[in-house]
Amino acid sequence: MSQPAPAATDPTKPLPVHAPLATEPLGLLGSLKAARSNLLTILPELAVRQPMVSGRTGLRWHMVMDPGAIRRILLERVDDYPKSKATKNILRPAIGDSLFVAEGAHWRWQRRAAAPVFTHRNITNLAPVMAQAAERAADRIATSQGVEVDMMNEMVMTTFDVISEVTFSGDGSFDSGKVHNAIDAYIAEAGKISLLDMLGVPDWVPRPGRFMSGHALDEMKQVADRAIEARKARGAKVTPDLLDLLLAGADPETKKTMNTAELRDNLLTFIVAGHETTALTLAWALYLCAFDQEVQDKARAEIAQVCDEGPITGDQALELTYVRQIIDETLRLYPPAGIISRTAQAHDMLCAREIRPGDTVMIPIYALQRNRLLWEDPDAFNPERFADRKAIDRYAYLPFGDGPRICIGASFAIQEAVIVLATLLRRFRFDLVDGKPPKPVMILTLRPEGGVWLQAAPIK
């Protein structure tokens, strides 16, 4: 069991926004309607009070919140729990059989080939790019003087600035904005859970929303392919970027390298996942800092003690332990991937309950990280609960997943989030805007519907 925070939260203190969970069974059509507007609302309220909840909505399903059972799914019997058919149906048209979707041997060799890209040394070398993008964001916010700012939009711009620079070194060979818009449009329409997905209908049966977005995806992939072929012809830069590192990557066991299609699918995955999830984390973190001024003041004091007046470095980011705790607590309350879904391939027992081949097994990260059996004051914002990471059960906190399929870019995302958040808190005091609270809504990722509107006052 995860250990509670050092002290219980003040019960009179208001709580940050949270999603309403289902208090009674929704049924197939009710689940479909809820899933297409906010996937979090299909989660039963029981999921924050029990270790496991099961039911049937077209297919048999199980929601697992028990850390021991989750360890079994993600680590001990990972091959028996591949990503769910619905997840693959939604994502494969956009990102092919990239690392996020691939299974078995095809996934393993790609993971081995891509792993060197995300070494600690390579990520630390990217800190200046992150710091420069953070300073540009601060300069934009500084022009808002007295005007409300949507920090969700600002953070999307900032993290996309970072991923574009670290991917293509700003060489102009790739219309990254066009690529992002195409995938974002695809997810907005085709990424919504369809009735066919919920019934387990095979992938080859057409989904109307995905058919409508097919042309944009084809064009996007052609743009990416041309950029990859152009880089192959031109050769690597003196300081290699993400594309150079992927081109040079090879599976150390088989010596296999990625062809253009495999490079493209993984590159598109890194571009979209590498900026949106971090942007979401930062937007929610800024909301929480504005929600609790004491946390904001404590973070600002740490930043002043650790950092000089120059851009925040990778080494300084490692010393900003309280800022990191804010990021960790943000990821607990608002995990970008709010639900992990798997399809069981073999008979198993989880929490003394039978699992059959074909069952959908979900790990609702949003409910797991607010489960009352695992966390004290689970809906409260309390960064200090992460002061001792060893006291927290590894499988009670999973913003990046775990096991062999843990997010390959986790350390990249954490470093970027710490640098950007610290840069902004050093320059501004953030306050909430009355009447504009963000609403946690999940379609594919957990977004603040309506934006994160804050007042930003320069620190004098």
Protein backbone atom coordinates (compact mmCIF):
# COMPACT_ATOMS: atom_id res chain seq x y z
CA MET A 1 0.00 0.00 0.00
CA SER A 2 1.19 3.53 -0.77
CA GLN A 3 2.06 5.55 2.27
CA PRO A 4 0.12 8.74 3.07
CA ALA A 5 1.52 12.22 2.94
CA PRO A 6 3.45 13.37 6.02
CA ALA A 7 0.33 15.12 7.33
CA ALA A 8 -3.32 14.97 6.40
CA THR A 9 -4.63 17.78 4.22
CA ASP A 10 -6.80 20.46 5.84
CA PRO A 11 -10.38 19.12 5.39
CA THR A 12 -11.72 22.68 5.11
CA LYS A 13 -9.48 23.42 2.16
CA PRO A 14 -11.16 23.29 -1.30
CA LEU A 15 -10.16 20.56 -3.73
CA PRO A 16 -8.94 21.03 -7.29
CA VAL A 17 -11.27 20.06 -10.13
CA HIS A 18 -11.93 16.38 -10.73
CA ALA A 19 -14.05 14.28 -13.08
CA PRO A 20 -17.43 12.92 -11.93
CA LEU A 21 -17.36 9.12 -11.90
CA ALA A 22 -20.31 6.85 -12.65
CA THR A 23 -22.45 5.97 -9.63
CA GLU A 24 -24.62 3.37 -11.43
CA PRO A 25 -24.15 0.99 -14.40
CA LEU A 26 -24.30 2.80 -17.75
CA GLY A 27 -25.06 -0.10 -20.08
CA LEU A 28 -23.73 -0.41 -23.64
CA LEU A 29 -25.35 2.67 -25.18
CA GLY A 30 -24.77 4.77 -22.08
CA SER A 31 -21.10 3.75 -22.03
CA LEU A 32 -20.79 4.59 -25.73
CA LYS A 33 -22.30 8.05 -25.22
CA ALA A 34 -20.09 8.73 -22.20
CA ALA A 35 -16.94 7.45 -23.90
CA ARG A 36 -17.43 9.72 -26.90
CA SER A 37 -17.70 12.83 -24.71
CA ASN A 38 -15.46 12.00 -21.71
CA LEU A 39 -13.96 8.56 -21.23
CA LEU A 40 -13.38 9.24 -17.53
CA THR A 41 -17.13 9.22 -16.92
CA ILE A 42 -17.35 5.50 -17.74
CA LEU A 43 -15.20 4.80 -14.67
CA PRO A 44 -17.38 3.59 -11.80
CA GLU A 45 -17.04 5.42 -8.52
CA LEU A 46 -16.30 2.00 -7.01
CA ALA A 47 -12.94 2.11 -8.83
CA VAL A 48 -11.59 4.58 -6.26
CA ARG A 49 -12.76 2.37 -3.36
CA GLN A 50 -12.05 -1.21 -4.43
CA PRO A 51 -9.06 -3.15 -5.82
CA MET A 52 -10.97 -4.49 -8.84
CA VAL A 53 -14.30 -3.93 -10.64
CA SER A 54 -15.68 -6.20 -13.41
CA GLY A 55 -18.61 -6.10 -15.79
CA ARG A 56 -19.80 -6.60 -19.35
CA THR A 57 -20.40 -3.93 -22.00
CA GLY A 58 -20.47 -5.91 -25.22
CA LEU A 59 -17.29 -7.65 -24.01
CA ARG A 60 -16.27 -8.82 -20.54
CA TRP A 61 -14.11 -6.18 -18.87
CA HIS A 62 -12.16 -5.73 -15.65
CA MET A 63 -10.75 -2.57 -14.07
CA VAL A 64 -7.74 -3.30 -11.89
CA MET A 65 -6.53 -0.99 -9.11
CA ASP A 66 -4.59 -3.52 -7.02
CA PRO A 67 -0.79 -2.89 -7.27
CA GLY A 68 0.06 -6.61 -7.08
CA ALA A 69 -2.33 -7.48 -9.91
CA ILE A 70 -1.06 -4.54 -11.96
CA ARG A 71 2.50 -5.78 -11.54
CA ARG A 72 1.36 -9.13 -12.91
CA ILE A 73 -0.22 -7.47 -15.97
CA LEU A 74 2.59 -5.04 -16.80
CA LEU A 75 5.65 -7.03 -15.73
CA GLU A 76 5.25 -10.68 -14.83
CA ARG A 77 2.91 -11.76 -17.65
CA VAL A 78 3.27 -8.85 -20.05
CA ASP A 79 3.04 -11.03 -23.19
CA ASP A 80 -0.34 -12.34 -22.02
CA TYR A 81 -1.71 -8.79 -21.82
CA PRO A 82 -0.95 -6.95 -25.11
CA LYS A 83 -2.50 -3.58 -25.85
CA SER A 84 -6.24 -3.83 -26.41
CA LYS A 85 -7.83 -4.19 -29.82
CA ALA A 86 -9.65 -0.88 -29.35
CA THR A 87 -6.36 0.95 -28.69
CA LYS A 88 -4.77 -0.55 -31.79
CA ASN A 89 -7.85 0.14 -33.91
CA ILE A 90 -7.73 3.81 -32.95
CA LEU A 91 -3.99 4.44 -33.30
CA ARG A 92 -2.64 2.13 -36.01
CA PRO A 93 -4.01 4.18 -38.96
CA ALA A 94 -2.05 7.19 -37.69
CA ILE A 95 1.20 5.72 -36.31
CA GLY A 96 1.37 2.24 -37.86
CA ASP A 97 3.24 -0.48 -35.99
CA SER A 98 5.47 1.94 -34.11
CA LEU A 99 6.73 1.36 -30.58
CA PHE A 100 3.43 2.45 -29.07
CA VAL A 101 1.36 -0.15 -30.96
CA ALA A 102 3.73 -2.99 -31.92
CA GLU A 103 3.84 -6.25 -29.96
CA GLY A 104 6.21 -9.18 -29.42
CA ALA A 105 9.46 -9.47 -31.37
CA HIS A 106 8.57 -6.53 -33.64
CA TRP A 107 8.22 -4.28 -30.60
CA ARG A 108 11.34 -5.62 -28.88
CA TRP A 109 13.77 -4.93 -31.71
CA GLN A 110 12.38 -1.42 -32.24
CA ARG A 111 12.68 -0.69 -28.53
CA ARG A 112 16.29 -1.86 -28.49
CA ALA A 113 17.11 0.24 -31.56
CA ALA A 114 15.48 3.39 -30.16
CA ALA A 115 16.70 3.10 -26.55
CA PRO A 116 20.07 4.87 -27.13
CA VAL A 117 18.19 7.96 -28.35
CA PHE A 118 16.88 8.54 -24.82
CA THR A 119 20.03 8.04 -22.75
CA HIS A 120 20.63 10.38 -19.82
CA ARG A 121 23.48 12.05 -21.73
CA ASN A 122 21.37 12.76 -24.80
CA ILE A 123 18.50 14.12 -22.72
CA THR A 124 20.78 16.35 -20.63
CA ASN A 125 22.22 17.74 -23.87
CA LEU A 126 18.71 18.85 -24.84
CA ALA A 127 18.23 21.01 -21.72
CA PRO A 128 19.34 24.25 -23.47
CA VAL A 129 16.67 23.77 -26.15
CA MET A 130 14.05 23.31 -23.42
CA ALA A 131 15.27 26.35 -21.48
CA GLN A 132 15.25 28.56 -24.59
CA ALA A 133 11.70 27.52 -25.45
CA ALA A 134 10.66 28.23 -21.83
CA GLU A 135 12.16 31.73 -21.98
CA ARG A 136 10.33 32.43 -25.26
CA ALA A 137 7.09 31.33 -23.59
CA ALA A 138 7.79 33.66 -20.66
CA ASP A 139 8.42 36.53 -23.08
CA ARG A 140 5.07 35.90 -24.77
CA ILE A 141 3.27 35.75 -21.42
CA ALA A 142 4.96 38.99 -20.32
CA THR A 143 3.14 40.83 -23.10
CA SER A 144 -0.24 39.83 -21.64
CA GLN A 145 -0.07 42.45 -18.82
CA GLY A 146 -3.41 42.22 -17.04
CA VAL A 147 -4.98 39.98 -19.68
CA GLU A 148 -6.10 36.44 -18.95
CA VAL A 149 -3.88 33.82 -20.60
CA ASP A 150 -4.86 30.33 -21.71
CA MET A 151 -1.87 28.41 -20.41
CA MET A 152 -2.98 25.26 -22.23
CA ASN A 153 -2.43 26.97 -25.58
CA GLU A 154 0.83 28.48 -24.36
CA MET A 155 2.18 25.15 -23.20
CA VAL A 156 1.22 23.41 -26.47
CA MET A 157 3.18 26.11 -28.33
CA THR A 158 6.13 25.73 -25.96
CA THR A 159 6.44 21.96 -26.02
CA PHE A 160 5.87 21.84 -29.77
CA ASP A 161 8.67 24.38 -30.08
CA VAL A 162 10.90 21.96 -28.15
CA ILE A 163 9.98 18.79 -30.03
CA SER A 164 10.35 20.49 -33.43
CA GLU A 165 13.82 21.74 -32.53
CA VAL A 166 15.09 18.47 -31.05
CA THR A 167 13.60 16.46 -33.93
CA PHE A 168 14.66 18.49 -36.96
CA SER A 169 17.02 21.14 -35.54
CA GLY A 170 14.84 23.83 -37.09
CA ASP A 171 16.20 23.07 -40.58
CA GLY A 172 12.86 23.73 -42.29
CA SER A 173 12.77 20.32 -43.99
CA PHE A 174 9.57 19.24 -42.31
CA ASP A 175 6.21 20.95 -41.89
CA SER A 176 5.84 19.79 -38.30
CA GLY A 177 2.82 22.01 -37.68
CA LYS A 178 0.96 20.37 -40.55
CA VAL A 179 1.82 16.94 -39.18
CA HIS A 180 0.58 17.80 -35.70
CA ASN A 181 -2.67 19.31 -37.00
CA ALA A 182 -3.37 16.22 -39.10
CA ILE A 183 -2.90 13.82 -36.19
CA ASP A 184 -4.80 16.06 -33.79
CA ALA A 185 -7.74 16.23 -36.21
CA TYR A 186 -7.61 12.45 -36.62
CA ILE A 187 -7.72 11.83 -32.88
CA ALA A 188 -10.51 14.38 -32.39
CA GLU A 189 -12.79 12.53 -34.80
CA ALA A 190 -11.58 8.96 -35.29
CA GLY A 191 -9.97 8.52 -31.90
CA LYS A 192 -13.31 8.56 -30.12
CA ILE A 193 -14.37 5.11 -29.00
CA SER A 194 -16.79 3.72 -31.58
CA LEU A 195 -19.54 1.18 -30.96
CA LEU A 196 -17.67 -1.18 -33.29
CA ASP A 197 -14.59 -1.00 -31.05
CA MET A 198 -16.61 -1.63 -27.91
CA LEU A 199 -18.17 -4.71 -29.51
CA GLY A 200 -14.76 -6.01 -30.56
CA VAL A 201 -15.47 -5.85 -34.32
CA PRO A 202 -12.26 -6.54 -36.34
CA ASP A 203 -10.01 -3.69 -37.47
CA TRP A 204 -10.72 -4.27 -41.19
CA VAL A 205 -14.36 -3.23 -40.79
CA PRO A 206 -14.40 0.48 -41.80
CA ARG A 207 -14.95 3.13 -39.14
CA PRO A 208 -16.63 6.18 -40.77
CA GLY A 209 -14.70 8.78 -38.77
CA ARG A 210 -11.35 7.26 -39.69
CA PHE A 211 -12.35 6.99 -43.35
CA MET A 212 -13.09 10.72 -43.40
CA SER A 213 -9.63 11.57 -42.05
CA GLY A 214 -7.68 9.15 -44.26
CA HIS A 215 -6.58 11.72 -46.86
CA ALA A 216 -5.02 14.03 -44.28
CA LEU A 217 -3.12 11.10 -42.75
CA ASP A 218 -1.80 9.94 -46.13
CA GLU A 219 -0.56 13.44 -46.93
CA MET A 220 1.04 13.75 -43.49
CA LYS A 221 2.92 10.48 -43.90
CA GLN A 222 4.18 11.52 -47.34
CA VAL A 223 5.55 14.76 -45.88
CA ALA A 224 7.36 12.80 -43.17
CA ASP A 225 8.75 10.27 -45.66
CA ARG A 226 10.18 13.04 -47.84
CA ALA A 227 11.88 14.67 -44.85
CA ILE A 228 13.46 11.35 -43.81
CA GLU A 229 14.75 10.60 -47.32
CA ALA A 230 16.16 14.14 -47.57
CA ARG A 231 18.05 13.70 -44.28
CA LYS A 232 19.42 10.33 -45.42
CA ALA A 233 20.78 11.99 -48.55
CA ARG A 234 22.20 14.99 -46.69
CA GLY A 235 23.70 13.13 -43.74
CA ALA A 236 23.72 13.82 -40.00
CA LYS A 237 24.35 17.19 -38.41
CA VAL A 238 27.42 17.95 -36.32
CA THR A 239 25.21 17.87 -33.23
CA PRO A 240 22.76 15.05 -33.98
CA ASP A 241 19.04 15.61 -33.46
CA LEU A 242 16.34 13.03 -32.80
CA LEU A 243 16.02 12.09 -36.47
CA ASP A 244 19.79 11.61 -36.80
CA LEU A 245 19.84 9.40 -33.71
CA LEU A 246 16.94 7.29 -34.99
CA LEU A 247 18.61 6.93 -38.40
CA ALA A 248 21.78 5.74 -36.70
CA GLY A 249 19.94 3.40 -34.35
CA ALA A 250 20.30 -0.35 -34.75
CA ASP A 251 19.12 -3.31 -32.72
CA PRO A 252 22.30 -4.45 -30.90
CA GLU A 253 21.14 -8.08 -31.06
CA THR A 254 20.06 -8.38 -34.71
CA LYS A 255 21.79 -5.28 -36.18
CA LYS A 256 18.46 -4.46 -37.84
CA THR A 257 17.74 -0.80 -38.61
CA MET A 258 14.44 0.98 -39.26
CA ASN A 259 13.27 1.47 -42.82
CA THR A 260 11.63 4.73 -43.90
CA ALA A 261 8.10 3.63 -42.91
CA GLU A 262 9.25 2.45 -39.47
CA LEU A 263 11.24 5.65 -38.93
CA ARG A 264 8.25 7.73 -39.97
CA ASP A 265 5.78 5.95 -37.70
CA ASN A 266 8.06 6.24 -34.67
CA LEU A 267 8.95 9.83 -35.47
CA LEU A 268 5.28 10.81 -35.68
CA THR A 269 4.66 9.02 -32.38
CA PHE A 270 7.49 10.92 -30.67
CA ILE A 271 6.44 14.27 -32.17
CA VAL A 272 2.82 14.08 -31.06
CA ALA A 273 3.20 12.16 -27.79
CA GLY A 274 6.41 14.02 -26.97
CA HIS A 275 4.79 17.40 -26.90
CA GLU A 276 1.09 16.99 -26.08
CA THR A 277 1.50 14.93 -22.91
CA THR A 278 4.11 17.34 -21.51
CA ALA A 279 1.97 20.34 -22.49
CA LEU A 280 -0.96 18.83 -20.62
CA THR A 281 1.18 18.18 -17.54
CA LEU A 282 2.46 21.75 -17.52
CA ALA A 283 -0.98 23.28 -18.02
CA TRP A 284 -2.42 21.27 -15.14
CA ALA A 285 0.66 22.03 -12.99
CA LEU A 286 0.21 25.77 -13.52
CA TYR A 287 -3.47 25.47 -12.64
CA LEU A 288 -2.56 23.66 -9.41
CA CYS A 289 0.11 26.23 -8.52
CA ALA A 290 -2.42 29.01 -9.04
CA PHE A 291 -4.89 26.98 -6.95
CA ASP A 292 -2.44 26.78 -4.03
CA GLN A 293 -0.34 29.92 -3.58
CA GLU A 294 1.67 28.37 -0.73
CA VAL A 295 2.95 25.68 -3.08
CA GLN A 296 3.82 28.34 -5.63
CA ASP A 297 5.76 30.37 -3.05
CA LYS A 298 7.68 27.33 -1.81
CA ALA A 299 8.64 26.37 -5.36
CA ARG A 300 9.78 29.91 -6.12
CA ALA A 301 12.00 29.94 -3.03
CA GLU A 302 13.65 26.68 -4.12
CA ILE A 303 14.21 28.02 -7.65
CA ALA A 304 15.88 31.15 -6.26
CA GLN A 305 18.16 29.03 -4.09
CA VAL A 306 19.19 26.54 -6.80
CA CYS A 307 19.30 28.61 -9.99
CA ASP A 308 21.17 31.72 -11.06
CA GLU A 309 19.67 34.30 -13.41
CA GLY A 310 20.62 32.40 -16.57
CA PRO A 311 18.62 29.68 -18.36
CA ILE A 312 17.89 26.67 -16.17
CA THR A 313 20.29 23.81 -16.89
CA GLY A 314 19.80 20.05 -16.83
CA ASP A 315 21.93 19.77 -13.68
CA GLN A 316 19.89 22.47 -11.93
CA ALA A 317 16.67 20.70 -12.94
CA LEU A 318 17.85 17.64 -11.02
CA GLU A 319 18.30 19.80 -7.89
CA LEU A 320 14.80 21.29 -8.10
CA THR A 321 13.31 18.52 -5.98
CA TYR A 322 10.19 20.39 -4.88
CA VAL A 323 9.39 21.51 -8.43
CA ARG A 324 9.72 17.84 -9.41
CA GLN A 325 7.28 16.93 -6.62
CA ILE A 326 4.76 19.38 -8.10
CA ILE A 327 5.13 17.64 -11.47
CA ASP A 328 4.76 14.21 -9.83
CA GLU A 329 1.62 15.26 -7.94
CA THR A 330 0.19 16.82 -11.11
CA LEU A 331 0.73 13.53 -12.95
CA ARG A 332 -1.01 11.72 -10.11
CA LEU A 333 -4.10 13.92 -10.23
CA TYR A 334 -4.24 14.42 -14.01
CA PRO A 335 -2.33 11.61 -15.77
CA PRO A 336 -2.24 12.32 -19.55
CA ALA A 337 -2.96 8.65 -20.26
CA GLY A 338 -5.88 8.19 -17.87
CA ILE A 339 -6.62 4.58 -18.82
CA ILE A 340 -4.39 1.70 -20.00
CA SER A 341 -6.28 -1.03 -21.84
CA ARG A 342 -5.14 -4.61 -22.54
CA THR A 343 -6.72 -7.72 -24.09
CA ALA A 344 -6.08 -10.95 -22.16
CA GLN A 345 -4.58 -13.76 -24.26
CA ALA A 346 -4.64 -16.54 -21.65
CA HIS A 347 -6.54 -17.70 -18.59
CA ASP A 348 -5.41 -15.97 -15.41
CA MET A 349 -6.54 -15.01 -11.92
CA LEU A 350 -6.40 -11.40 -10.72
CA CYS A 351 -7.61 -10.50 -7.22
CA ALA A 352 -9.09 -14.03 -6.98
CA ARG A 353 -11.20 -13.30 -10.09
CA GLU A 354 -11.12 -15.32 -13.32
CA ILE A 355 -9.67 -13.69 -16.44
CA ARG A 356 -10.56 -15.34 -19.75
CA PRO A 357 -8.88 -14.99 -23.16
CA GLY A 358 -10.46 -12.04 -24.98
CA ASP A 359 -11.40 -10.16 -21.81
CA THR A 360 -10.59 -6.44 -21.78
CA VAL A 361 -8.39 -5.66 -18.78
CA MET A 362 -8.09 -1.98 -17.96
CA ILE A 363 -5.82 -0.15 -15.56
CA PRO A 364 -7.69 3.13 -14.98
CA ILE A 365 -4.69 5.26 -14.00
CA TYR A 366 -6.98 8.15 -13.06
CA ALA A 367 -8.86 5.98 -10.54
CA LEU A 368 -5.78 4.05 -9.38
CA GLN A 369 -3.99 7.26 -8.42
CA ARG A 370 -7.06 8.49 -6.49
CA ASN A 371 -7.90 5.12 -4.89
CA ARG A 372 -8.76 5.50 -1.22
CA LEU A 373 -7.12 2.19 -0.36
CA LEU A 374 -3.78 3.50 -1.61
CA TRP A 375 -3.69 7.26 -1.01
CA GLU A 376 -4.57 9.56 1.89
CA ASP A 377 -6.73 12.52 0.88
CA PRO A 378 -6.53 11.28 -2.72
CA ASP A 379 -8.34 14.23 -4.35
CA ALA A 380 -6.19 16.83 -2.56
CA PHE A 381 -3.18 18.58 -4.12
CA ASN A 382 -0.19 17.83 -1.90
CA PRO A 383 3.24 17.70 -3.62
CA GLU A 384 4.90 16.73 -0.33
CA ARG A 385 3.44 13.23 -0.55
CA PHE A 386 6.28 12.63 -3.07
CA ALA A 387 9.02 13.77 -0.68
CA ASP A 388 9.84 10.10 -0.10
CA ARG A 389 9.33 8.25 -3.38
CA LYS A 390 10.36 4.93 -1.80
CA ALA A 391 7.28 5.06 0.44
CA ILE A 392 4.99 4.97 -2.60
CA ASP A 393 4.12 1.58 -4.08
CA ARG A 394 5.65 1.41 -7.55
CA TYR A 395 2.43 0.02 -9.02
CA ALA A 396 0.13 2.57 -7.35
CA TYR A 397 1.61 5.44 -9.37
CA LEU A 398 1.88 4.85 -13.12
CA PRO A 399 1.78 8.07 -15.16
CA PHE A 400 4.27 6.54 -17.61
CA GLY A 401 3.17 2.91 -17.28
CA ASP A 402 5.72 0.36 -16.07
CA GLY A 403 7.44 -2.88 -16.94
CA PRO A 404 9.24 -3.35 -20.27
CA ARG A 405 6.72 -1.05 -21.99
CA ILE A 406 7.28 1.92 -19.67
CA CYS A 407 7.27 5.16 -21.67
CA ILE A 408 10.63 5.46 -23.44
CA GLY A 409 10.50 9.27 -23.23
CA ALA A 410 9.64 9.59 -19.53
CA SER A 411 12.93 11.23 -18.47
CA PHE A 412 12.75 13.61 -21.46
CA ALA A 413 9.25 14.69 -20.40
CA ILE A 414 10.16 15.15 -16.72
CA GLN A 415 13.24 17.25 -17.48
CA GLU A 416 11.28 19.43 -19.89
CA ALA A 417 8.39 19.89 -17.45
CA VAL A 418 10.70 20.87 -14.56
CA ILE A 419 12.67 23.36 -16.68
CA VAL A 420 9.58 25.03 -18.17
CA LEU A 421 7.62 25.18 -14.89
CA ALA A 422 10.61 26.57 -12.97
CA THR A 423 11.27 29.18 -15.67
CA LEU A 424 7.69 30.43 -15.54
CA LEU A 425 7.36 30.41 -11.74
CA ARG A 426 10.60 32.37 -11.48
CA ARG A 427 9.16 35.16 -13.65
CA PHE A 428 5.44 35.20 -12.77
CA ARG A 429 2.90 34.78 -10.02
CA PHE A 430 -0.11 32.89 -11.36
CA ASP A 431 -3.68 33.35 -10.14
CA LEU A 432 -6.93 31.61 -11.06
CA VAL A 433 -9.55 33.38 -13.15
CA ASP A 434 -12.99 33.36 -11.54
CA GLY A 435 -15.64 31.45 -13.46
CA LYS A 436 -13.23 29.63 -15.78
CA PRO A 437 -12.21 26.37 -14.07
CA PRO A 438 -10.72 23.73 -16.37
CA LYS A 439 -12.80 20.57 -16.85
CA PRO A 440 -10.93 17.22 -16.90
CA VAL A 441 -12.04 15.48 -20.11
CA MET A 442 -10.45 12.40 -21.64
CA ILE A 443 -10.88 11.22 -25.23
CA LEU A 444 -7.42 9.82 -25.87
CA THR A 445 -5.55 12.01 -23.40
CA LEU A 446 -6.76 13.85 -20.29
CA ARG A 447 -7.22 17.46 -21.36
CA PRO A 448 -8.49 20.58 -19.55
CA GLU A 449 -11.62 21.33 -21.58
CA GLY A 450 -12.08 25.05 -21.96
CA GLY A 451 -8.38 25.72 -21.42
CA VAL A 452 -6.44 26.76 -18.32
CA TRP A 453 -7.08 30.48 -17.93
CA LEU A 454 -4.77 32.27 -15.49
CA GLN A 455 -3.61 35.76 -14.60
CA ALA A 456 0.17 36.12 -14.80
CA ALA A 457 1.75 38.94 -12.76
CA PRO A 458 5.48 39.58 -13.27
CA ILE A 459 7.69 39.00 -10.25
CA LYS A 460 9.31 42.26 -9.28
